[in-house]
Amino acid sequence: MAVEVRKRKSENAGTLLFRFNRKIKQSGIIREAKRRRFKSREVNRLRVKKSALYSLKRRQEITKAKKHGLEKKDKR
């Protein structure tokens, strides 16, 4: 995933640097480096399942409260 930018004839350093930065951004190297910067722990299946069930239960409680008029409805 090497990016190579060569200096053109009569090109100043600022333009060369601009082209290099643009190539780096387009290649996704910076995004990949930021992603790899810290290693995140894998979440076990039970924890993922519990959080999904909790969010589902919470969403149902909110819709029930909205139906009964206990919570404000969205302005959408």
N, C-alpha and C. Protein backbone atom coordinates (compact mmCIF):
# COMPACT_ATOMS: atom_id res chain seq x y z
N MET A 1 0.82 -1.17 0.00
CA MET A 1 0.00 0.00 0.00
C MET A 1 0.88 1.25 0.00
N ALA A 2 1.94 1.19 -0.75
CA ALA A 2 2.86 2.31 -0.82
C ALA A 2 2.33 3.39 -1.76
N VAL A 3 2.50 4.63 -1.36
CA VAL A 3 2.08 5.77 -2.18
C VAL A 3 3.34 6.47 -2.63
N GLU A 4 3.42 6.68 -3.93
CA GLU A 4 4.61 7.31 -4.48
C GLU A 4 4.20 8.54 -5.27
N VAL A 5 4.85 9.66 -4.97
CA VAL A 5 4.59 10.92 -5.68
C VAL A 5 5.94 11.47 -6.09
N ARG A 6 6.09 11.70 -7.39
CA ARG A 6 7.37 12.24 -7.90
C ARG A 6 7.22 13.71 -8.25
N LYS A 7 8.29 14.43 -8.04
CA LYS A 7 8.30 15.86 -8.32
C LYS A 7 8.30 16.10 -9.82
N ARG A 8 7.41 16.95 -10.27
CA ARG A 8 7.34 17.30 -11.68
C ARG A 8 8.29 18.45 -11.97
N LYS A 9 8.54 18.69 -13.24
CA LYS A 9 9.41 19.82 -13.61
C LYS A 9 8.73 21.11 -13.20
N SER A 10 9.47 21.99 -12.69
CA SER A 10 9.05 23.32 -12.24
C SER A 10 7.88 23.26 -11.25
N GLU A 11 7.90 22.25 -10.37
CA GLU A 11 6.88 22.16 -9.33
C GLU A 11 7.51 22.53 -8.00
N ASN A 12 6.84 23.40 -7.26
CA ASN A 12 7.41 23.80 -5.97
C ASN A 12 7.04 22.78 -4.89
N ALA A 13 7.66 22.94 -3.74
CA ALA A 13 7.48 21.97 -2.65
C ALA A 13 6.06 21.98 -2.10
N GLY A 14 5.42 23.14 -2.09
CA GLY A 14 4.05 23.22 -1.57
C GLY A 14 3.07 22.41 -2.40
N THR A 15 3.19 22.50 -3.71
CA THR A 15 2.30 21.75 -4.60
C THR A 15 2.56 20.25 -4.48
N LEU A 16 3.83 19.89 -4.38
CA LEU A 16 4.19 18.49 -4.23
C LEU A 16 3.62 17.92 -2.93
N LEU A 17 3.74 18.69 -1.87
CA LEU A 17 3.21 18.27 -0.58
C LEU A 17 1.68 18.14 -0.63
N PHE A 18 1.01 19.06 -1.31
CA PHE A 18 -0.44 19.01 -1.47
C PHE A 18 -0.86 17.74 -2.21
N ARG A 19 -0.17 17.42 -3.30
CA ARG A 19 -0.49 16.20 -4.06
C ARG A 19 -0.26 14.95 -3.23
N PHE A 20 0.84 14.96 -2.45
CA PHE A 20 1.15 13.82 -1.60
C PHE A 20 0.05 13.61 -0.55
N ASN A 21 -0.34 14.69 0.12
CA ASN A 21 -1.39 14.59 1.14
C ASN A 21 -2.70 14.08 0.55
N ARG A 22 -3.03 14.56 -0.64
CA ARG A 22 -4.27 14.13 -1.29
C ARG A 22 -4.21 12.64 -1.62
N LYS A 23 -3.06 12.17 -2.11
CA LYS A 23 -2.90 10.74 -2.41
C LYS A 23 -3.03 9.89 -1.16
N ILE A 24 -2.43 10.34 -0.07
CA ILE A 24 -2.49 9.61 1.20
C ILE A 24 -3.94 9.51 1.68
N LYS A 25 -4.68 10.61 1.61
CA LYS A 25 -6.08 10.60 2.06
C LYS A 25 -6.93 9.68 1.19
N GLN A 26 -6.71 9.71 -0.12
CA GLN A 26 -7.49 8.89 -1.03
C GLN A 26 -7.19 7.41 -0.87
N SER A 27 -5.96 7.08 -0.51
CA SER A 27 -5.59 5.68 -0.37
C SER A 27 -6.14 5.06 0.92
N GLY A 28 -6.48 5.88 1.91
CA GLY A 28 -7.04 5.36 3.16
C GLY A 28 -5.99 4.95 4.17
N ILE A 29 -4.75 5.33 3.96
CA ILE A 29 -3.68 4.95 4.88
C ILE A 29 -3.87 5.59 6.25
N ILE A 30 -4.26 6.85 6.28
CA ILE A 30 -4.44 7.54 7.56
C ILE A 30 -5.57 6.91 8.35
N ARG A 31 -6.67 6.60 7.68
CA ARG A 31 -7.81 5.98 8.36
C ARG A 31 -7.41 4.62 8.94
N GLU A 32 -6.65 3.85 8.18
CA GLU A 32 -6.21 2.53 8.63
C GLU A 32 -5.25 2.66 9.81
N ALA A 33 -4.36 3.64 9.77
CA ALA A 33 -3.41 3.84 10.86
C ALA A 33 -4.13 4.25 12.14
N LYS A 34 -5.14 5.11 12.02
CA LYS A 34 -5.90 5.50 13.20
C LYS A 34 -6.67 4.32 13.77
N ARG A 35 -7.17 3.45 12.91
CA ARG A 35 -7.90 2.29 13.36
C ARG A 35 -6.99 1.31 14.09
N ARG A 36 -5.77 1.17 13.61
CA ARG A 36 -4.83 0.22 14.21
C ARG A 36 -4.09 0.78 15.41
N ARG A 37 -4.26 2.05 15.70
CA ARG A 37 -3.49 2.70 16.76
C ARG A 37 -3.69 2.01 18.11
N PHE A 38 -4.92 1.71 18.43
CA PHE A 38 -5.20 1.03 19.69
C PHE A 38 -5.93 -0.26 19.39
N LYS A 39 -5.51 -1.31 20.04
CA LYS A 39 -6.16 -2.60 19.84
C LYS A 39 -7.35 -2.69 20.78
N SER A 40 -8.51 -2.91 20.21
CA SER A 40 -9.70 -3.00 21.05
C SER A 40 -9.98 -4.46 21.37
N ARG A 41 -10.49 -4.67 22.55
CA ARG A 41 -10.81 -6.03 22.97
C ARG A 41 -12.06 -6.51 22.27
N GLU A 42 -12.09 -7.80 21.98
CA GLU A 42 -13.28 -8.37 21.38
C GLU A 42 -14.35 -8.54 22.47
N VAL A 43 -15.56 -8.19 22.13
CA VAL A 43 -16.67 -8.32 23.07
C VAL A 43 -17.25 -9.72 22.91
N ASN A 44 -17.47 -10.39 24.05
CA ASN A 44 -17.98 -11.75 23.96
C ASN A 44 -19.46 -11.75 23.56
N ARG A 45 -19.92 -12.88 23.10
CA ARG A 45 -21.27 -12.99 22.54
C ARG A 45 -22.35 -12.69 23.57
N LEU A 46 -22.13 -13.13 24.81
CA LEU A 46 -23.13 -12.92 25.85
C LEU A 46 -23.35 -11.43 26.10
N ARG A 47 -22.26 -10.66 26.15
CA ARG A 47 -22.38 -9.23 26.39
C ARG A 47 -23.09 -8.54 25.23
N VAL A 48 -22.80 -8.94 23.99
CA VAL A 48 -23.48 -8.38 22.83
C VAL A 48 -24.96 -8.70 22.88
N LYS A 49 -25.28 -9.92 23.23
CA LYS A 49 -26.67 -10.36 23.31
C LYS A 49 -27.42 -9.59 24.39
N LYS A 50 -26.79 -9.42 25.57
CA LYS A 50 -27.43 -8.70 26.66
C LYS A 50 -27.69 -7.24 26.29
N SER A 51 -26.72 -6.61 25.65
CA SER A 51 -26.91 -5.20 25.28
C SER A 51 -27.99 -5.06 24.21
N ALA A 52 -28.08 -6.01 23.29
CA ALA A 52 -29.12 -5.97 22.26
C ALA A 52 -30.50 -6.15 22.90
N LEU A 53 -30.60 -7.07 23.84
CA LEU A 53 -31.88 -7.29 24.52
C LEU A 53 -32.28 -6.08 25.36
N TYR A 54 -31.30 -5.46 26.00
CA TYR A 54 -31.58 -4.27 26.81
C TYR A 54 -32.10 -3.13 25.93
N SER A 55 -31.42 -2.88 24.80
CA SER A 55 -31.86 -1.79 23.93
C SER A 55 -33.24 -2.07 23.34
N LEU A 56 -33.52 -3.33 23.02
CA LEU A 56 -34.84 -3.69 22.50
C LEU A 56 -35.92 -3.46 23.57
N LYS A 57 -35.63 -3.87 24.80
CA LYS A 57 -36.57 -3.69 25.91
C LYS A 57 -36.80 -2.21 26.17
N ARG A 58 -35.74 -1.43 26.17
CA ARG A 58 -35.83 0.02 26.41
C ARG A 58 -36.65 0.70 25.31
N ARG A 59 -36.43 0.31 24.06
CA ARG A 59 -37.18 0.87 22.94
C ARG A 59 -38.67 0.57 23.09
N GLN A 60 -39.00 -0.65 23.52
CA GLN A 60 -40.40 -1.02 23.73
C GLN A 60 -41.02 -0.21 24.87
N GLU A 61 -40.27 0.03 25.95
CA GLU A 61 -40.76 0.83 27.06
C GLU A 61 -41.04 2.26 26.61
N ILE A 62 -40.18 2.80 25.78
CA ILE A 62 -40.36 4.18 25.30
C ILE A 62 -41.59 4.28 24.42
N THR A 63 -41.79 3.33 23.52
CA THR A 63 -42.97 3.39 22.66
C THR A 63 -44.25 3.22 23.48
N LYS A 64 -44.20 2.37 24.50
CA LYS A 64 -45.36 2.18 25.38
C LYS A 64 -45.67 3.47 26.13
N ALA A 65 -44.63 4.14 26.64
CA ALA A 65 -44.81 5.39 27.37
C ALA A 65 -45.36 6.47 26.44
N LYS A 66 -44.92 6.50 25.20
CA LYS A 66 -45.43 7.48 24.23
C LYS A 66 -46.91 7.24 23.96
N LYS A 67 -47.31 5.98 23.86
CA LYS A 67 -48.71 5.66 23.61
C LYS A 67 -49.60 6.11 24.75
N HIS A 68 -49.08 6.01 25.98
CA HIS A 68 -49.86 6.41 27.15
C HIS A 68 -49.71 7.89 27.47
N GLY A 69 -48.90 8.60 26.70
CA GLY A 69 -48.73 10.02 26.88
C GLY A 69 -47.82 10.39 28.03
N LEU A 70 -47.03 9.46 28.49
CA LEU A 70 -46.13 9.73 29.61
C LEU A 70 -44.81 10.35 29.17
N GLU A 71 -44.48 10.22 27.90
CA GLU A 71 -43.23 10.76 27.39
C GLU A 71 -43.53 11.58 26.14
N LYS A 72 -42.75 12.62 25.94
CA LYS A 72 -42.97 13.49 24.78
C LYS A 72 -42.71 12.72 23.51
N LYS A 73 -43.50 13.00 22.49
CA LYS A 73 -43.31 12.38 21.20
C LYS A 73 -42.25 13.13 20.42
N ASP A 74 -41.62 12.46 19.47
CA ASP A 74 -40.60 13.08 18.62
C ASP A 74 -41.25 14.16 17.76
N LYS A 75 -40.48 15.16 17.41
CA LYS A 75 -40.97 16.23 16.55
C LYS A 75 -40.78 15.92 15.07
N ARG A 76 -40.39 14.72 14.74
CA ARG A 76 -40.14 14.35 13.35
C ARG A 76 -41.38 14.43 12.59
